């Protein structure tokens, strides 16, 4: 009891973390994320934010980046030996980025010029949020160069030559229907005309926007695309597959530069 009281006095929580199933193959352990729709209740206008203790964020984020690199090497070896398929690479990459790397950033304040490299220390703009998390996932890119591009040029760089879908509709409802039609389960880059960028996640058939939000909560968050104020303020969008972009993922595996 004395130990528990001491931990609480130092600001630690005594909540028991949610159990996560693990699957092992070769030397790599992939943690299977709990389905978003079962772990979070998304109602109209609700965004998701996570708070973490600043005293441990540096060390834990560094460990998460190391884990991403180990995953990359393990997947590359699995492909070489023929023990896994490329589908495993697609799934593992998206899960590691969405469920391991990005959650550290939830709650990090947005600012137009923000470019912090450390979650919840300083501020981060939308472009730097995307470029920094991709870099920290292990993609060989210059985060400054990518973040300073326009949304369409950022889409071109991330695409590595893959198809860029342009959606132009005169209402949010029509735009949503078209984006839903063009996407399958997985992770995408989404550019908003000339004004904003973020990730688009389709999971369990529902679309989510993960971005550094300049509207409330004015921080990195995840929200349903349909109810996003940012989404509803644009009529032109650029979509690029990330988890279904085999050229990009192969460059990740090989540590080849994305230019």
Protein backbone atom coordinates (compact mmCIF):
# COMPACT_ATOMS: atom_id res chain seq x y z
CA UNK A 1 0.00 0.00 0.00
CA UNK A 2 2.87 2.34 0.75
CA UNK A 3 4.26 1.71 -2.74
CA UNK A 4 0.87 2.38 -4.36
CA UNK A 5 0.47 5.62 -2.42
CA UNK A 6 3.95 6.73 -3.47
CA UNK A 7 3.22 6.01 -7.14
CA UNK A 8 -0.05 7.95 -6.99
CA UNK A 9 1.65 10.88 -5.32
CA UNK A 10 4.14 11.00 -8.19
CA UNK A 11 1.35 11.18 -10.75
CA UNK A 12 1.27 7.57 -11.92
CA UNK A 13 -2.06 5.90 -12.59
CA UNK A 14 -2.99 2.54 -11.20
CA UNK A 15 -5.17 1.68 -14.16
CA UNK A 16 -4.54 -1.76 -15.61
CA UNK A 17 -3.62 -1.47 -19.31
CA UNK A 18 -5.94 -3.06 -21.85
CA UNK A 19 -4.86 -6.57 -22.74
CA UNK A 20 -3.43 -6.93 -26.24
CA UNK A 21 -3.19 -10.20 -28.09
CA UNK A 22 0.19 -11.03 -29.60
CA UNK A 23 1.13 -13.12 -32.57
CA UNK A 24 4.70 -14.28 -33.12
CA UNK A 25 6.41 -15.34 -36.32
CA UNK A 26 10.14 -15.85 -36.69
CA UNK A 27 11.83 -13.37 -34.36
CA UNK A 28 9.13 -10.70 -34.66
CA UNK A 29 6.21 -10.18 -32.34
CA UNK A 30 3.33 -8.17 -33.77
CA UNK A 31 0.78 -6.77 -31.38
CA UNK A 32 -2.75 -7.03 -32.71
CA UNK A 33 -4.62 -3.80 -31.96
CA UNK A 34 -8.02 -3.99 -30.36
CA UNK A 35 -10.64 -2.84 -32.89
CA UNK A 36 -11.12 0.90 -32.65
CA UNK A 37 -14.88 0.66 -32.68
CA UNK A 38 -14.81 -1.60 -29.60
CA UNK A 39 -12.31 0.41 -27.61
CA UNK A 40 -13.61 3.91 -28.37
CA UNK A 41 -17.16 5.16 -28.74
CA UNK A 42 -17.36 7.68 -31.57
CA UNK A 43 -20.34 9.96 -31.41
CA UNK A 44 -21.02 13.03 -33.49
CA UNK A 45 -18.35 15.66 -33.06
CA UNK A 46 -16.26 13.58 -30.65
CA UNK A 47 -12.48 13.49 -31.07
CA UNK A 48 -9.98 11.16 -29.47
CA UNK A 49 -7.05 12.49 -27.45
CA UNK A 50 -4.60 10.71 -25.21
CA UNK A 51 -2.53 12.25 -22.42
CA UNK A 52 0.84 10.91 -21.36
CA UNK A 53 3.30 11.84 -18.63
CA UNK A 54 6.03 14.13 -19.96
CA UNK A 55 8.65 12.51 -17.73
CA UNK A 56 8.53 9.20 -19.59
CA UNK A 57 7.52 10.26 -23.12
CA UNK A 58 11.07 10.54 -24.47
CA UNK A 59 12.19 7.11 -23.34
CA UNK A 60 8.98 5.31 -24.29
CA UNK A 61 8.83 6.95 -27.73
CA UNK A 62 12.46 6.04 -28.38
CA UNK A 63 11.60 2.42 -27.54
CA UNK A 64 8.62 2.53 -29.90
CA UNK A 65 10.86 3.70 -32.74
CA UNK A 66 13.34 0.90 -32.00
CA UNK A 67 10.46 -1.59 -32.08
CA UNK A 68 9.41 -0.26 -35.50
CA UNK A 69 12.92 -0.83 -36.85
CA UNK A 70 13.00 -4.35 -35.44
CA UNK A 71 9.66 -5.00 -37.06
CA UNK A 72 11.00 -3.75 -40.39
CA UNK A 73 14.04 -6.03 -40.22
CA UNK A 74 11.96 -9.01 -39.13
CA UNK A 75 9.48 -8.53 -41.95
CA UNK A 76 12.26 -8.17 -44.49
CA UNK A 77 13.80 -11.43 -43.31
CA UNK A 78 10.39 -13.11 -43.33
CA UNK A 79 9.88 -12.13 -46.96
CA UNK A 80 13.38 -13.29 -47.87
CA UNK A 81 12.85 -16.68 -46.28
CA UNK A 82 9.34 -17.03 -47.67
CA UNK A 83 7.67 -17.43 -44.27
CA UNK A 84 5.36 -14.44 -44.74
CA UNK A 85 3.51 -12.76 -47.57
CA UNK A 86 3.50 -9.08 -48.50
CA UNK A 87 0.01 -8.84 -47.05
CA UNK A 88 1.63 -9.30 -43.64
CA UNK A 89 3.90 -6.34 -44.37
CA UNK A 90 0.94 -4.14 -45.28
CA UNK A 91 -0.97 -5.01 -42.13
CA UNK A 92 2.00 -4.87 -39.77
CA UNK A 93 3.15 -1.48 -41.08
CA UNK A 94 -0.26 0.12 -40.67
CA UNK A 95 -0.82 -1.35 -37.21
CA UNK A 96 2.59 -0.24 -35.96
CA UNK A 97 2.15 3.31 -37.26
CA UNK A 98 -1.48 3.77 -36.23
CA UNK A 99 -1.49 1.90 -32.92
CA UNK A 100 2.09 2.38 -31.67
CA UNK A 101 3.78 5.45 -33.18
CA UNK A 102 0.87 7.86 -33.61
CA UNK A 103 -0.79 7.47 -30.16
CA UNK A 104 2.26 9.10 -28.54
CA UNK A 105 1.34 12.26 -30.45
CA UNK A 106 -2.29 12.59 -29.40
CA UNK A 107 -2.74 15.83 -27.48
CA UNK A 108 0.40 17.49 -28.90
CA UNK A 109 -0.65 21.13 -29.57
CA UNK A 110 -1.06 22.36 -33.13
CA UNK A 111 0.54 25.54 -34.40
CA UNK A 112 1.12 26.77 -37.95
CA UNK A 113 4.91 26.79 -37.49
CA UNK A 114 5.17 23.87 -35.06
CA UNK A 115 7.86 21.32 -35.86
CA UNK A 116 8.71 19.49 -32.64
CA UNK A 117 10.25 16.04 -33.01
CA UNK A 118 9.16 14.92 -29.53
CA UNK A 119 5.50 14.10 -28.76
CA UNK A 120 3.80 16.45 -26.29
CA UNK A 121 6.87 18.66 -26.06
CA UNK A 122 6.36 21.77 -28.16
CA UNK A 123 3.91 22.18 -31.02
CA UNK A 124 3.45 20.56 -34.41
CA UNK A 125 1.85 21.61 -37.70
CA UNK A 126 -0.13 19.19 -39.83
CA UNK A 127 2.65 18.58 -42.36
CA UNK A 128 5.28 17.98 -39.72
CA UNK A 129 2.99 15.57 -37.92
CA UNK A 130 2.77 13.40 -41.04
CA UNK A 131 6.44 13.65 -42.03
CA UNK A 132 7.74 13.09 -38.50
CA UNK A 133 5.62 10.03 -37.80
CA UNK A 134 6.51 8.49 -41.16
CA UNK A 135 10.18 9.13 -40.48
CA UNK A 136 9.91 7.70 -36.97
CA UNK A 137 8.21 4.63 -38.40
CA UNK A 138 11.47 4.14 -40.28
CA UNK A 139 10.75 5.56 -43.73
CA UNK A 140 13.91 7.15 -45.08
CA UNK A 141 12.82 10.72 -45.80
CA UNK A 142 13.64 14.31 -44.97
CA UNK A 143 10.84 15.40 -42.65
CA UNK A 144 11.51 19.10 -43.25
CA UNK A 145 11.43 18.73 -47.03
CA UNK A 146 8.21 16.72 -46.99
CA UNK A 147 6.42 18.94 -44.45
CA UNK A 148 7.14 22.12 -46.39
CA UNK A 149 5.53 20.87 -49.59
CA UNK A 150 2.00 21.68 -50.72
CA UNK A 151 -0.58 18.94 -50.09
CA UNK A 152 -0.50 17.74 -53.72
CA UNK A 153 3.32 17.69 -53.81
CA UNK A 154 3.38 15.90 -50.49
CA UNK A 155 0.99 13.35 -51.99
CA UNK A 156 3.31 12.91 -54.98
CA UNK A 157 6.33 12.31 -52.77
CA UNK A 158 4.58 9.76 -50.57
CA UNK A 159 2.99 8.03 -53.57
CA UNK A 160 6.36 6.90 -55.02
CA UNK A 161 4.60 6.85 -58.38
CA UNK A 162 1.38 5.20 -57.23
CA UNK A 163 -2.04 6.53 -58.19
CA UNK A 164 -3.18 9.77 -56.56
CA UNK A 165 -6.96 9.98 -56.43
CA UNK A 166 -8.36 13.48 -56.65
CA UNK A 167 -11.83 14.03 -55.25
CA UNK A 168 -13.70 17.23 -56.09
CA UNK A 169 -17.27 17.54 -54.83
CA UNK A 170 -19.53 20.47 -54.01
CA UNK A 171 -20.69 19.11 -50.65
CA UNK A 172 -19.15 17.18 -47.73
CA UNK A 173 -21.74 14.45 -48.16
CA UNK A 174 -20.83 13.82 -51.79
CA UNK A 175 -17.10 14.01 -51.01
CA UNK A 176 -17.49 11.50 -48.19
CA UNK A 177 -19.35 9.06 -50.43
CA UNK A 178 -16.64 9.27 -53.08
CA UNK A 179 -13.79 8.86 -50.57
CA UNK A 180 -15.57 5.89 -49.04
CA UNK A 181 -15.94 4.33 -52.47
CA UNK A 182 -12.27 4.83 -53.36
CA UNK A 183 -10.83 3.39 -50.16
CA UNK A 184 -10.52 -0.06 -48.60
CA UNK A 185 -9.44 -1.15 -45.14
CA UNK A 186 -6.09 0.47 -44.42
CA UNK A 187 -4.15 3.71 -44.11
CA UNK A 188 -3.94 6.61 -46.56
CA UNK A 189 -2.45 10.08 -46.87
CA UNK A 190 -5.07 12.76 -47.42
CA UNK A 191 -4.37 16.27 -48.67
CA UNK A 192 -7.02 18.97 -48.37
CA UNK A 193 -6.75 21.19 -51.46
CA UNK A 194 -3.89 23.61 -50.66
CA UNK A 195 -4.58 23.93 -46.94
CA UNK A 196 -4.11 20.80 -44.80
CA UNK A 197 -2.81 17.22 -44.63
CA UNK A 198 -3.25 14.17 -42.43
CA UNK A 199 -3.85 10.44 -42.36
CA UNK A 200 -7.06 8.76 -43.43
CA UNK A 201 -7.74 5.43 -41.73
CA UNK A 202 -10.43 2.99 -42.79
CA UNK A 203 -11.02 0.41 -40.08
CA UNK A 204 -14.02 -1.85 -39.67
CA UNK A 205 -15.64 0.04 -42.55
CA UNK A 206 -15.48 3.44 -40.84
CA UNK A 207 -13.36 6.40 -41.94
CA UNK A 208 -11.23 8.31 -39.45
CA UNK A 209 -9.09 11.41 -39.85
CA UNK A 210 -5.83 11.47 -37.86
CA UNK A 211 -4.17 14.88 -38.00
CA UNK A 212 -2.83 17.92 -36.19
CA UNK A 213 -6.13 19.75 -35.95
CA UNK A 214 -6.28 23.56 -36.12
CA UNK A 215 -9.87 23.45 -34.85
CA UNK A 216 -10.80 22.20 -31.40
CA UNK A 217 -8.99 20.48 -29.69
CA UNK A 218 -6.20 22.39 -31.52
CA UNK A 219 -3.91 19.39 -31.21
CA UNK A 220 -3.16 16.02 -32.73
CA UNK A 221 -6.29 13.89 -32.58
CA UNK A 222 -8.32 11.23 -34.31
CA UNK A 223 -11.92 11.92 -35.30
CA UNK A 224 -14.54 10.47 -37.59
CA UNK A 225 -14.07 11.92 -41.06
CA UNK A 226 -17.76 12.63 -41.56
CA UNK A 227 -17.97 14.90 -38.51
CA UNK A 228 -14.59 16.63 -38.90
CA UNK A 229 -14.86 20.42 -39.18
CA UNK A 230 -11.68 20.46 -41.26
CA UNK A 231 -13.08 17.93 -43.72
CA UNK A 232 -16.36 19.80 -44.03
CA UNK A 233 -14.50 23.01 -44.91
CA UNK A 234 -12.98 21.66 -48.15
CA UNK A 235 -14.26 20.42 -51.50
CA UNK A 236 -11.00 19.11 -53.03
CA UNK A 237 -8.99 16.17 -51.67
CA UNK A 238 -5.93 14.15 -52.71
CA UNK A 239 -5.74 10.51 -51.59
CA UNK A 240 -2.66 8.28 -51.66
CA UNK A 241 -2.50 4.73 -50.34
CA UNK A 242 0.10 4.07 -47.66
CA UNK A 243 -0.60 0.56 -46.38
CA UNK A 244 -1.52 -0.58 -49.91
CA UNK A 245 1.44 1.16 -51.57
CA UNK A 246 3.87 -1.69 -52.21
CA UNK A 247 6.56 0.57 -53.67
CA UNK A 248 6.58 2.77 -50.57
CA UNK A 249 6.60 -0.27 -48.26
CA UNK A 250 9.43 -1.91 -50.20
CA UNK A 251 11.48 1.25 -49.80
CA UNK A 252 10.72 1.10 -46.09
CA UNK A 253 11.92 -2.50 -45.92
CA UNK A 254 15.10 -1.70 -47.87
CA UNK A 255 15.70 1.63 -46.09
CA UNK A 256 15.72 3.29 -49.51
CA UNK A 257 15.15 7.03 -49.71
CA UNK A 258 11.73 8.49 -50.47
CA UNK A 259 12.49 11.65 -52.43
